[in-house]
Amino acid sequence: MSFSIDEGLNDNTKALAASSCDYVQDLMDLDDVPMSSRLRFAKEPDGILPDLRENGASVFSATRNRKFRNDSWGDAPALEMTVGYSVIGPADRQLTQLYIPRRARLA
């Protein structure tokens, strides 16, 4: 997942946006969590989005299916995954396009 927070937001909204990004990253780091708990965690962002809207922000997102490969892997298959992109910006600005790079590196 890749996040971007627009500089045009006020500091309080940026802090709220950053905490929502941290929350999503924490969820992605969870391992061996029962499905019932995952469903409960998934409901929490529903509370975060209205808070962002109340503070003058909108959330835009997109995904791209990717194949990651390294020359040193030899005949090993490429690592396939879906990469998510999220932009949090001022509510009065509407995005018509979201730039999603064709090439990416795993960090």
PDB file of N, CA and C in Angstrom:
ATOM      1  N   MET A   1       0.849  -1.171   0.000  1.00  0.00           N
ATOM      2  CA  MET A   1       0.000   0.000   0.000  1.00  0.00           C
ATOM      3  C   MET A   1       0.891   1.230   0.000  1.00  0.00           C
ATOM      4  N   SER A   2       0.507   2.209  -0.778  1.00  0.00           N
ATOM      5  CA  SER A   2       1.240   3.456  -0.856  1.00  0.00           C
ATOM      6  C   SER A   2       0.281   4.599  -0.510  1.00  0.00           C
ATOM      7  N   PHE A   3       0.714   5.499   0.363  1.00  0.00           N
ATOM      8  CA  PHE A   3      -0.143   6.587   0.835  1.00  0.00           C
ATOM      9  C   PHE A   3       0.444   7.939   0.466  1.00  0.00           C
ATOM     10  N   SER A   4      -0.439   8.889   0.208  1.00  0.00           N
ATOM     11  CA  SER A   4      -0.030  10.261  -0.031  1.00  0.00           C
ATOM     12  C   SER A   4      -1.028  11.185   0.666  1.00  0.00           C
ATOM     13  N   ILE A   5      -0.504  12.144   1.433  1.00  0.00           N
ATOM     14  CA  ILE A   5      -1.341  13.115   2.135  1.00  0.00           C
ATOM     15  C   ILE A   5      -1.029  14.485   1.556  1.00  0.00           C
ATOM     16  N   ASP A   6      -2.052  15.151   1.033  1.00  0.00           N
ATOM     17  CA  ASP A   6      -1.894  16.430   0.359  1.00  0.00           C
ATOM     18  C   ASP A   6      -1.410  17.502   1.335  1.00  0.00           C
ATOM     19  N   GLU A   7      -0.468  18.316   0.873  1.00  0.00           N
ATOM     20  CA  GLU A   7       0.072  19.404   1.690  1.00  0.00           C
ATOM     21  C   GLU A   7      -0.950  20.498   1.958  1.00  0.00           C
ATOM     22  N   GLY A   8      -2.033  20.547   1.163  1.00  0.00           N
ATOM     23  CA  GLY A   8      -3.037  21.589   1.326  1.00  0.00           C
ATOM     24  C   GLY A   8      -3.955  21.398   2.516  1.00  0.00           C
ATOM     25  N   LEU A   9      -3.859  20.274   3.194  1.00  0.00           N
ATOM     26  CA  LEU A   9      -4.691  20.024   4.375  1.00  0.00           C
ATOM     27  C   LEU A   9      -4.108  20.729   5.592  1.00  0.00           C
ATOM     28  N   ASN A  10      -4.979  21.084   6.538  1.00  0.00           N
ATOM     29  CA  ASN A  10      -4.460  21.707   7.763  1.00  0.00           C
ATOM     30  C   ASN A  10      -3.765  20.638   8.622  1.00  0.00           C
ATOM     31  N   ASP A  11      -3.011  21.085   9.612  1.00  0.00           N
ATOM     32  CA  ASP A  11      -2.194  20.162  10.406  1.00  0.00           C
ATOM     33  C   ASP A  11      -3.026  19.116  11.144  1.00  0.00           C
ATOM     34  N   ASN A  12      -4.189  19.499  11.672  1.00  0.00           N
ATOM     35  CA  ASN A  12      -5.030  18.530  12.379  1.00  0.00           C
ATOM     36  C   ASN A  12      -5.537  17.444  11.438  1.00  0.00           C
ATOM     37  N   THR A  13      -5.939  17.845  10.228  1.00  0.00           N
ATOM     38  CA  THR A  13      -6.427  16.878   9.255  1.00  0.00           C
ATOM     39  C   THR A  13      -5.293  15.986   8.771  1.00  0.00           C
ATOM     40  N   LYS A  14      -4.101  16.552   8.601  1.00  0.00           N
ATOM     41  CA  LYS A  14      -2.937  15.739   8.219  1.00  0.00           C
ATOM     42  C   LYS A  14      -2.645  14.685   9.289  1.00  0.00           C
ATOM     43  N   ALA A  15      -2.753  15.073  10.555  1.00  0.00           N
ATOM     44  CA  ALA A  15      -2.508  14.129  11.650  1.00  0.00           C
ATOM     45  C   ALA A  15      -3.547  13.009  11.633  1.00  0.00           C
ATOM     46  N   LEU A  16      -4.805  13.357  11.400  1.00  0.00           N
ATOM     47  CA  LEU A  16      -5.872  12.357  11.310  1.00  0.00           C
ATOM     48  C   LEU A  16      -5.631  11.444  10.114  1.00  0.00           C
ATOM     49  N   ALA A  17      -5.243  12.019   8.980  1.00  0.00           N
ATOM     50  CA  ALA A  17      -4.950  11.232   7.781  1.00  0.00           C
ATOM     51  C   ALA A  17      -3.781  10.286   8.042  1.00  0.00           C
ATOM     52  N   ALA A  18      -2.743  10.777   8.699  1.00  0.00           N
ATOM     53  CA  ALA A  18      -1.579   9.941   8.999  1.00  0.00           C
ATOM     54  C   ALA A  18      -1.963   8.784   9.912  1.00  0.00           C
ATOM     55  N   SER A  19      -2.811   9.046  10.903  1.00  0.00           N
ATOM     56  CA  SER A  19      -3.214   7.961  11.800  1.00  0.00           C
ATOM     57  C   SER A  19      -4.050   6.923  11.056  1.00  0.00           C
ATOM     58  N   SER A  20      -4.851   7.354  10.076  1.00  0.00           N
ATOM     59  CA  SER A  20      -5.631   6.376   9.314  1.00  0.00           C
ATOM     60  C   SER A  20      -4.712   5.534   8.434  1.00  0.00           C
ATOM     61  N   CYS A  21      -3.673   6.142   7.872  1.00  0.00           N
ATOM     62  CA  CYS A  21      -2.696   5.386   7.081  1.00  0.00           C
ATOM     63  C   CYS A  21      -1.952   4.383   7.966  1.00  0.00           C
ATOM     64  N   ASP A  22      -1.561   4.821   9.167  1.00  0.00           N
ATOM     65  CA  ASP A  22      -0.894   3.920  10.117  1.00  0.00           C
ATOM     66  C   ASP A  22      -1.782   2.739  10.459  1.00  0.00           C
ATOM     67  N   TYR A  23      -3.070   3.009  10.642  1.00  0.00           N
ATOM     68  CA  TYR A  23      -4.025   1.956  10.994  1.00  0.00           C
ATOM     69  C   TYR A  23      -4.092   0.902   9.891  1.00  0.00           C
ATOM     70  N   VAL A  24      -4.174   1.361   8.643  1.00  0.00           N
ATOM     71  CA  VAL A  24      -4.235   0.411   7.525  1.00  0.00           C
ATOM     72  C   VAL A  24      -2.948  -0.401   7.448  1.00  0.00           C
ATOM     73  N   GLN A  25      -1.798   0.246   7.637  1.00  0.00           N
ATOM     74  CA  GLN A  25      -0.530  -0.481   7.616  1.00  0.00           C
ATOM     75  C   GLN A  25      -0.451  -1.495   8.752  1.00  0.00           C
ATOM     76  N   ASP A  26      -0.942  -1.133   9.929  1.00  0.00           N
ATOM     77  CA  ASP A  26      -0.962  -2.074  11.048  1.00  0.00           C
ATOM     78  C   ASP A  26      -1.819  -3.287  10.718  1.00  0.00           C
ATOM     79  N   LEU A  27      -2.951  -3.063  10.063  1.00  0.00           N
ATOM     80  CA  LEU A  27      -3.814  -4.179   9.678  1.00  0.00           C
ATOM     81  C   LEU A  27      -3.110  -5.106   8.695  1.00  0.00           C
ATOM     82  N   MET A  28      -2.354  -4.531   7.784  1.00  0.00           N
ATOM     83  CA  MET A  28      -1.636  -5.354   6.806  1.00  0.00           C
ATOM     84  C   MET A  28      -0.545  -6.184   7.468  1.00  0.00           C
ATOM     85  N   ASP A  29      -0.021  -5.711   8.589  1.00  0.00           N
ATOM     86  CA  ASP A  29       1.044  -6.430   9.288  1.00  0.00           C
ATOM     87  C   ASP A  29       0.530  -7.568  10.169  1.00  0.00           C
ATOM     88  N   LEU A  30      -0.779  -7.597  10.384  1.00  0.00           N
ATOM     89  CA  LEU A  30      -1.338  -8.651  11.230  1.00  0.00           C
ATOM     90  C   LEU A  30      -1.195 -10.008  10.559  1.00  0.00           C
ATOM     91  N   ASP A  31      -0.875 -10.994  11.353  1.00  0.00           N
ATOM     92  CA  ASP A  31      -0.736 -12.355  10.843  1.00  0.00           C
ATOM     93  C   ASP A  31      -1.387 -13.299  11.840  1.00  0.00           C
ATOM     94  N   ASP A  32      -1.940 -14.352  11.347  1.00  0.00           N
ATOM     95  CA  ASP A  32      -2.581 -15.364  12.192  1.00  0.00           C
ATOM     96  C   ASP A  32      -3.695 -14.775  13.062  1.00  0.00           C
ATOM     97  N   VAL A  33      -4.509 -13.920  12.481  1.00  0.00           N
ATOM     98  CA  VAL A  33      -5.641 -13.333  13.196  1.00  0.00           C
ATOM     99  C   VAL A  33      -6.900 -14.032  12.711  1.00  0.00           C
ATOM    100  N   PRO A  34      -7.773 -14.481  13.618  1.00  0.00           N
ATOM    101  CA  PRO A  34      -9.005 -15.146  13.201  1.00  0.00           C
ATOM    102  C   PRO A  34      -9.864 -14.233  12.315  1.00  0.00           C
ATOM    103  N   MET A  35     -10.609 -14.842  11.407  1.00  0.00           N
ATOM    104  CA  MET A  35     -11.430 -14.079  10.473  1.00  0.00           C
ATOM    105  C   MET A  35     -12.433 -13.189  11.201  1.00  0.00           C
ATOM    106  N   SER A  36     -12.994 -13.657  12.320  1.00  0.00           N
ATOM    107  CA  SER A  36     -13.958 -12.839  13.059  1.00  0.00           C
ATOM    108  C   SER A  36     -13.314 -11.535  13.540  1.00  0.00           C
ATOM    109  N   SER A  37     -12.071 -11.591  13.932  1.00  0.00           N
ATOM    110  CA  SER A  37     -11.370 -10.378  14.360  1.00  0.00           C
ATOM    111  C   SER A  37     -11.082  -9.469  13.169  1.00  0.00           C
ATOM    112  N   ARG A  38     -10.750 -10.066  12.026  1.00  0.00           N
ATOM    113  CA  ARG A  38     -10.474  -9.267  10.838  1.00  0.00           C
ATOM    114  C   ARG A  38     -11.711  -8.476  10.433  1.00  0.00           C
ATOM    115  N   LEU A  39     -12.880  -9.087  10.552  1.00  0.00           N
ATOM    116  CA  LEU A  39     -14.114  -8.387  10.211  1.00  0.00           C
ATOM    117  C   LEU A  39     -14.338  -7.202  11.135  1.00  0.00           C
ATOM    118  N   ARG A  40     -14.037  -7.372  12.414  1.00  0.00           N
ATOM    119  CA  ARG A  40     -14.185  -6.276  13.376  1.00  0.00           C
ATOM    120  C   ARG A  40     -13.219  -5.141  13.044  1.00  0.00           C
ATOM    121  N   PHE A  41     -11.976  -5.498  12.702  1.00  0.00           N
ATOM    122  CA  PHE A  41     -10.991  -4.479  12.340  1.00  0.00           C
ATOM    123  C   PHE A  41     -11.414  -3.731  11.084  1.00  0.00           C
ATOM    124  N   ALA A  42     -12.027  -4.431  10.145  1.00  0.00           N
ATOM    125  CA  ALA A  42     -12.433  -3.811   8.881  1.00  0.00           C
ATOM    126  C   ALA A  42     -13.523  -2.772   9.081  1.00  0.00           C
ATOM    127  N   LYS A  43     -14.308  -2.889  10.154  1.00  0.00           N
ATOM    128  CA  LYS A  43     -15.381  -1.933  10.406  1.00  0.00           C
ATOM    129  C   LYS A  43     -14.850  -0.595  10.928  1.00  0.00           C
ATOM    130  N   GLU A  44     -13.678  -0.597  11.555  1.00  0.00           N
ATOM    131  CA  GLU A  44     -13.142   0.638  12.129  1.00  0.00           C
ATOM    132  C   GLU A  44     -12.878   1.738  11.101  1.00  0.00           C
ATOM    133  N   PRO A  45     -12.361   1.422   9.893  1.00  0.00           N
ATOM    134  CA  PRO A  45     -12.173   2.506   8.918  1.00  0.00           C
ATOM    135  C   PRO A  45     -13.476   3.213   8.552  1.00  0.00           C
ATOM    136  N   ASP A  46     -14.611   2.543   8.720  1.00  0.00           N
ATOM    137  CA  ASP A  46     -15.888   3.205   8.465  1.00  0.00           C
ATOM    138  C   ASP A  46     -16.093   4.393   9.400  1.00  0.00           C
ATOM    139  N   GLY A  47     -15.469   4.369  10.566  1.00  0.00           N
ATOM    140  CA  GLY A  47     -15.530   5.503  11.486  1.00  0.00           C
ATOM    141  C   GLY A  47     -14.496   6.562  11.153  1.00  0.00           C
ATOM    142  N   ILE A  48     -13.381   6.149  10.566  1.00  0.00           N
ATOM    143  CA  ILE A  48     -12.307   7.085  10.231  1.00  0.00           C
ATOM    144  C   ILE A  48     -12.703   7.957   9.046  1.00  0.00           C
ATOM    145  N   LEU A  49     -13.343   7.375   8.038  1.00  0.00           N
ATOM    146  CA  LEU A  49     -13.693   8.138   6.841  1.00  0.00           C
ATOM    147  C   LEU A  49     -14.607   9.325   7.138  1.00  0.00           C
ATOM    148  N   PRO A  50     -15.667   9.160   7.945  1.00  0.00           N
ATOM    149  CA  PRO A  50     -16.483  10.339   8.276  1.00  0.00           C
ATOM    150  C   PRO A  50     -15.692  11.417   9.028  1.00  0.00           C
ATOM    151  N   ASP A  51     -14.754  10.997   9.875  1.00  0.00           N
ATOM    152  CA  ASP A  51     -13.920  11.979  10.581  1.00  0.00           C
ATOM    153  C   ASP A  51     -13.084  12.790   9.589  1.00  0.00           C
ATOM    154  N   LEU A  52     -12.531  12.120   8.593  1.00  0.00           N
ATOM    155  CA  LEU A  52     -11.752  12.836   7.577  1.00  0.00           C
ATOM    156  C   LEU A  52     -12.643  13.806   6.800  1.00  0.00           C
ATOM    157  N   ARG A  53     -13.837  13.345   6.431  1.00  0.00           N
ATOM    158  CA  ARG A  53     -14.766  14.216   5.692  1.00  0.00           C
ATOM    159  C   ARG A  53     -15.159  15.437   6.526  1.00  0.00           C
ATOM    160  N   GLU A  54     -15.427  15.219   7.812  1.00  0.00           N
ATOM    161  CA  GLU A  54     -15.798  16.331   8.693  1.00  0.00           C
ATOM    162  C   GLU A  54     -14.669  17.357   8.813  1.00  0.00           C
ATOM    163  N   ASN A  55     -13.439  16.895   8.616  1.00  0.00           N
ATOM    164  CA  ASN A  55     -12.281  17.784   8.711  1.00  0.00           C
ATOM    165  C   ASN A  55     -11.828  18.300   7.345  1.00  0.00           C
ATOM    166  N   GLY A  56     -12.697  18.144   6.335  1.00  0.00           N
ATOM    167  CA  GLY A  56     -12.416  18.735   5.028  1.00  0.00           C
ATOM    168  C   GLY A  56     -11.534  17.929   4.104  1.00  0.00           C
ATOM    169  N   ALA A  57     -11.514  16.609   4.269  1.00  0.00           N
ATOM    170  CA  ALA A  57     -10.666  15.768   3.414  1.00  0.00           C
ATOM    171  C   ALA A  57     -11.501  14.730   2.670  1.00  0.00           C
ATOM    172  N   SER A  58     -10.979  14.319   1.526  1.00  0.00           N
ATOM    173  CA  SER A  58     -11.543  13.218   0.763  1.00  0.00           C
ATOM    174  C   SER A  58     -10.459  12.169   0.572  1.00  0.00           C
ATOM    175  N   VAL A  59     -10.880  10.918   0.432  1.00  0.00           N
ATOM    176  CA  VAL A  59      -9.940   9.820   0.224  1.00  0.00           C
ATOM    177  C   VAL A  59     -10.184   9.236  -1.162  1.00  0.00           C
ATOM    178  N   PHE A  60      -9.129   9.129  -1.928  1.00  0.00           N
ATOM    179  CA  PHE A  60      -9.177   8.534  -3.256  1.00  0.00           C
ATOM    180  C   PHE A  60      -8.251   7.320  -3.248  1.00  0.00           C
ATOM    181  N   SER A  61      -8.676   6.250  -3.923  1.00  0.00           N
ATOM    182  CA  SER A  61      -7.830   5.057  -3.927  1.00  0.00           C
ATOM    183  C   SER A  61      -7.918   4.327  -5.259  1.00  0.00           C
ATOM    184  N   ALA A  62      -6.900   3.533  -5.514  1.00  0.00           N
ATOM    185  CA  ALA A  62      -6.839   2.715  -6.714  1.00  0.00           C
ATOM    186  C   ALA A  62      -5.930   1.526  -6.421  1.00  0.00           C
ATOM    187  N   THR A  63      -6.019   0.508  -7.258  1.00  0.00           N
ATOM    188  CA  THR A  63      -5.138  -0.654  -7.123  1.00  0.00           C
ATOM    189  C   THR A  63      -4.554  -1.000  -8.480  1.00  0.00           C
ATOM    190  N   ARG A  64      -3.451  -1.727  -8.446  1.00  0.00           N
ATOM    191  CA  ARG A  64      -2.835  -2.236  -9.671  1.00  0.00           C
ATOM    192  C   ARG A  64      -2.240  -3.593  -9.353  1.00  0.00           C
ATOM    193  N   ASN A  65      -2.518  -4.567 -10.209  1.00  0.00           N
ATOM    194  CA  ASN A  65      -1.908  -5.887 -10.073  1.00  0.00           C
ATOM    195  C   ASN A  65      -0.475  -5.795 -10.574  1.00  0.00           C
ATOM    196  N   ARG A  66       0.437  -6.322  -9.796  1.00  0.00           N
ATOM    197  CA  ARG A  66       1.868  -6.209 -10.114  1.00  0.00           C
ATOM    198  C   ARG A  66       2.535  -7.569 -10.077  1.00  0.00           C
ATOM    199  N   LYS A  67       3.615  -7.686 -10.824  1.00  0.00           N
ATOM    200  CA  LYS A  67       4.503  -8.838 -10.767  1.00  0.00           C
ATOM    201  C   LYS A  67       5.891  -8.295 -10.452  1.00  0.00           C
ATOM    202  N   PHE A  68       6.455  -8.768  -9.357  1.00  0.00           N
ATOM    203  CA  PHE A  68       7.784  -8.338  -8.944  1.00  0.00           C
ATOM    204  C   PHE A  68       8.773  -9.444  -9.255  1.00  0.00           C
ATOM    205  N   ARG A  69       9.901  -9.064  -9.808  1.00  0.00           N
ATOM    206  CA  ARG A  69      10.892 -10.027 -10.244  1.00  0.00           C
ATOM    207  C   ARG A  69      12.282  -9.468  -9.984  1.00  0.00           C
ATOM    208  N   ASN A  70      13.220 -10.363  -9.729  1.00  0.00           N
ATOM    209  CA  ASN A  70      14.613  -9.964  -9.527  1.00  0.00           C
ATOM    210  C   ASN A  70      15.477 -10.898 -10.365  1.00  0.00           C
ATOM    211  N   ASP A  71      16.460 -10.350 -11.043  1.00  0.00           N
ATOM    212  CA  ASP A  71      17.328 -11.162 -11.900  1.00  0.00           C
ATOM    213  C   ASP A  71      18.029 -12.271 -11.126  1.00  0.00           C
ATOM    214  N   SER A  72      18.269 -12.058  -9.841  1.00  0.00           N
ATOM    215  CA  SER A  72      18.982 -13.062  -9.044  1.00  0.00           C
ATOM    216  C   SER A  72      18.101 -14.250  -8.668  1.00  0.00           C
ATOM    217  N   TRP A  73      16.794 -14.205  -8.988  1.00  0.00           N
ATOM    218  CA  TRP A  73      15.889 -15.296  -8.623  1.00  0.00           C
ATOM    219  C   TRP A  73      16.012 -16.499  -9.549  1.00  0.00           C
ATOM    220  N   GLY A  74      16.738 -16.371 -10.638  1.00  0.00           N
ATOM    221  CA  GLY A  74      16.870 -17.491 -11.564  1.00  0.00           C
ATOM    222  C   GLY A  74      15.535 -17.839 -12.195  1.00  0.00           C
ATOM    223  N   ASP A  75      15.147 -19.132 -12.096  1.00  0.00           N
ATOM    224  CA  ASP A  75      13.901 -19.600 -12.702  1.00  0.00           C
ATOM    225  C   ASP A  75      12.688 -19.447 -11.786  1.00  0.00           C
ATOM    226  N   ALA A  76      12.876 -18.893 -10.620  1.00  0.00           N
ATOM    227  CA  ALA A  76      11.752 -18.732  -9.690  1.00  0.00           C
ATOM    228  C   ALA A  76      10.698 -17.812 -10.307  1.00  0.00           C
ATOM    229  N   PRO A  77       9.427 -18.112 -10.070  1.00  0.00           N
ATOM    230  CA  PRO A  77       8.376 -17.276 -10.656  1.00  0.00           C
ATOM    231  C   PRO A  77       8.333 -15.879 -10.004  1.00  0.00           C
ATOM    232  N   ALA A  78       7.751 -14.951 -10.740  1.00  0.00           N
ATOM    233  CA  ALA A  78       7.590 -13.593 -10.226  1.00  0.00           C
ATOM    234  C   ALA A  78       6.627 -13.609  -9.044  1.00  0.00           C
ATOM    235  N   LEU A  79       6.817 -12.689  -8.138  1.00  0.00           N
ATOM    236  CA  LEU A  79       5.943 -12.525  -6.985  1.00  0.00           C
ATOM    237  C   LEU A  79       4.773 -11.647  -7.416  1.00  0.00           C
ATOM    238  N   GLU A  80       3.551 -12.195  -7.397  1.00  0.00           N
ATOM    239  CA  GLU A  80       2.374 -11.457  -7.835  1.00  0.00           C
ATOM    240  C   GLU A  80       1.626 -10.912  -6.631  1.00  0.00           C
ATOM    241  N   MET A  81       1.214  -9.642  -6.722  1.00  0.00           N
ATOM    242  CA  MET A  81       0.434  -9.033  -5.652  1.00  0.00           C
ATOM    243  C   MET A  81      -0.337  -7.839  -6.198  1.00  0.00           C
ATOM    244  N   THR A  82      -1.319  -7.410  -5.450  1.00  0.00           N
ATOM    245  CA  THR A  82      -2.065  -6.209  -5.781  1.00  0.00           C
ATOM    246  C   THR A  82      -1.562  -5.095  -4.885  1.00  0.00           C
ATOM    247  N   VAL A  83      -1.176  -3.987  -5.500  1.00  0.00           N
ATOM    248  CA  VAL A  83      -0.660  -2.841  -4.758  1.00  0.00           C
ATOM    249  C   VAL A  83      -1.761  -1.792  -4.702  1.00  0.00           C
ATOM    250  N   GLY A  84      -2.001  -1.268  -3.506  1.00  0.00           N
ATOM    251  CA  GLY A  84      -3.008  -0.234  -3.320  1.00  0.00           C
ATOM    252  C   GLY A  84      -2.370   1.129  -3.192  1.00  0.00           C
ATOM    253  N   TYR A  85      -3.055   2.124  -3.708  1.00  0.00           N
ATOM    254  CA  TYR A  85      -2.606   3.506  -3.645  1.00  0.00           C
ATOM    255  C   TYR A  85      -3.725   4.339  -3.046  1.00  0.00           C
ATOM    256  N   SER A  86      -3.395   5.193  -2.112  1.00  0.00           N
ATOM    257  CA  SER A  86      -4.398   6.031  -1.467  1.00  0.00           C
ATOM    258  C   SER A  86      -3.890   7.462  -1.382  1.00  0.00           C
ATOM    259  N   VAL A  87      -4.751   8.413  -1.772  1.00  0.00           N
ATOM    260  CA  VAL A  87      -4.432   9.830  -1.691  1.00  0.00           C
ATOM    261  C   VAL A  87      -5.493  10.488  -0.820  1.00  0.00           C
ATOM    262  N   ILE A  88      -5.055  11.227   0.181  1.00  0.00           N
ATOM    263  CA  ILE A  88      -5.970  11.972   1.041  1.00  0.00           C
ATOM    264  C   ILE A  88      -5.721  13.448   0.771  1.00  0.00           C
ATOM    265  N   GLY A  89      -6.777  14.114   0.280  1.00  0.00           N
ATOM    266  CA  GLY A  89      -6.627  15.507  -0.110  1.00  0.00           C
ATOM    267  C   GLY A  89      -7.824  16.339   0.301  1.00  0.00           C
ATOM    268  N   PRO A  90      -7.789  17.641   0.008  1.00  0.00           N
ATOM    269  CA  PRO A  90      -8.892  18.533   0.360  1.00  0.00           C
ATOM    270  C   PRO A  90     -10.202  18.091  -0.304  1.00  0.00           C
ATOM    271  N   ALA A  91     -11.295  18.178   0.445  1.00  0.00           N
ATOM    272  CA  ALA A  91     -12.602  17.737  -0.048  1.00  0.00           C
ATOM    273  C   ALA A  91     -13.089  18.576  -1.216  1.00  0.00           C
ATOM    274  N   ASP A  92     -12.630  19.810  -1.311  1.00  0.00           N
ATOM    275  CA  ASP A  92     -13.095  20.658  -2.406  1.00  0.00           C
ATOM    276  C   ASP A  92     -12.361  20.396  -3.719  1.00  0.00           C
ATOM    277  N   ARG A  93     -11.391  19.498  -3.700  1.00  0.00           N
ATOM    278  CA  ARG A  93     -10.644  19.148  -4.909  1.00  0.00           C
ATOM    279  C   ARG A  93     -11.047  17.737  -5.336  1.00  0.00           C
ATOM    280  N   GLN A  94     -11.477  17.605  -6.570  1.00  0.00           N
ATOM    281  CA  GLN A  94     -11.858  16.298  -7.095  1.00  0.00           C
ATOM    282  C   GLN A  94     -10.753  15.784  -8.012  1.00  0.00           C
ATOM    283  N   LEU A  95     -10.320  14.566  -7.783  1.00  0.00           N
ATOM    284  CA  LEU A  95      -9.323  13.959  -8.659  1.00  0.00           C
ATOM    285  C   LEU A  95     -10.041  13.234  -9.788  1.00  0.00           C
ATOM    286  N   THR A  96      -9.601  13.476 -11.001  1.00  0.00           N
ATOM    287  CA  THR A  96     -10.165  12.744 -12.137  1.00  0.00           C
ATOM    288  C   THR A  96      -9.246  11.604 -12.540  1.00  0.00           C
ATOM    289  N   GLN A  97      -7.984  11.697 -12.132  1.00  0.00           N
ATOM    290  CA  GLN A  97      -7.017  10.644 -12.415  1.00  0.00           C
ATOM    291  C   GLN A  97      -6.095  10.500 -11.223  1.00  0.00           C
ATOM    292  N   LEU A  98      -5.643   9.286 -11.029  1.00  0.00           N
ATOM    293  CA  LEU A  98      -4.689   9.009  -9.965  1.00  0.00           C
ATOM    294  C   LEU A  98      -3.490   8.332 -10.609  1.00  0.00           C
ATOM    295  N   TYR A  99      -2.327   8.934 -10.488  1.00  0.00           N
ATOM    296  CA  TYR A  99      -1.112   8.380 -11.096  1.00  0.00           C
ATOM    297  C   TYR A  99      -0.699   7.120 -10.349  1.00  0.00           C
ATOM    298  N   ILE A 100      -0.583   6.044 -11.099  1.00  0.00           N
ATOM    299  CA  ILE A 100      -0.128   4.778 -10.536  1.00  0.00           C
ATOM    300  C   ILE A 100       1.070   4.330 -11.362  1.00  0.00           C
ATOM    301  N   PRO A 101       2.257   4.320 -10.780  1.00  0.00           N
ATOM    302  CA  PRO A 101       3.449   3.980 -11.547  1.00  0.00           C
ATOM    303  C   PRO A 101       3.396   2.559 -12.126  1.00  0.00           C
ATOM    304  N   ARG A 102       3.925   2.417 -13.329  1.00  0.00           N
ATOM    305  CA  ARG A 102       3.991   1.089 -13.956  1.00  0.00           C
ATOM    306  C   ARG A 102       5.081   0.235 -13.324  1.00  0.00           C
ATOM    307  N   ARG A 103       6.127   0.886 -12.886  1.00  0.00           N
ATOM    308  CA  ARG A 103       7.247   0.156 -12.291  1.00  0.00           C
ATOM    309  C   ARG A 103       7.312   0.517 -10.808  1.00  0.00           C
ATOM    310  N   ALA A 104       7.635  -0.476 -10.009  1.00  0.00           N
ATOM    311  CA  ALA A 104       7.769  -0.251  -8.568  1.00  0.00           C
ATOM    312  C   ALA A 104       8.816  -1.196  -8.032  1.00  0.00           C
ATOM    313  N   ARG A 105       9.365  -0.848  -6.905  1.00  0.00           N
ATOM    314  CA  ARG A 105      10.361  -1.682  -6.234  1.00  0.00           C
ATOM    315  C   ARG A 105       9.818  -2.094  -4.877  1.00  0.00           C
ATOM    316  N   LEU A 106      10.137  -3.294  -4.487  1.00  0.00           N
ATOM    317  CA  LEU A 106       9.799  -3.734  -3.128  1.00  0.00           C
ATOM    318  C   LEU A 106      10.842  -3.186  -2.198  1.00  0.00           C
ATOM    319  N   ALA A 107      10.411  -2.611  -1.104  1.00  0.00           N
ATOM    320  CA  ALA A 107      11.358  -2.050  -0.136  1.00  0.00           C
ATOM    321  C   ALA A 107      11.651  -3.053   0.941  1.00  0.00           C
TER     322      ALA A 107
END
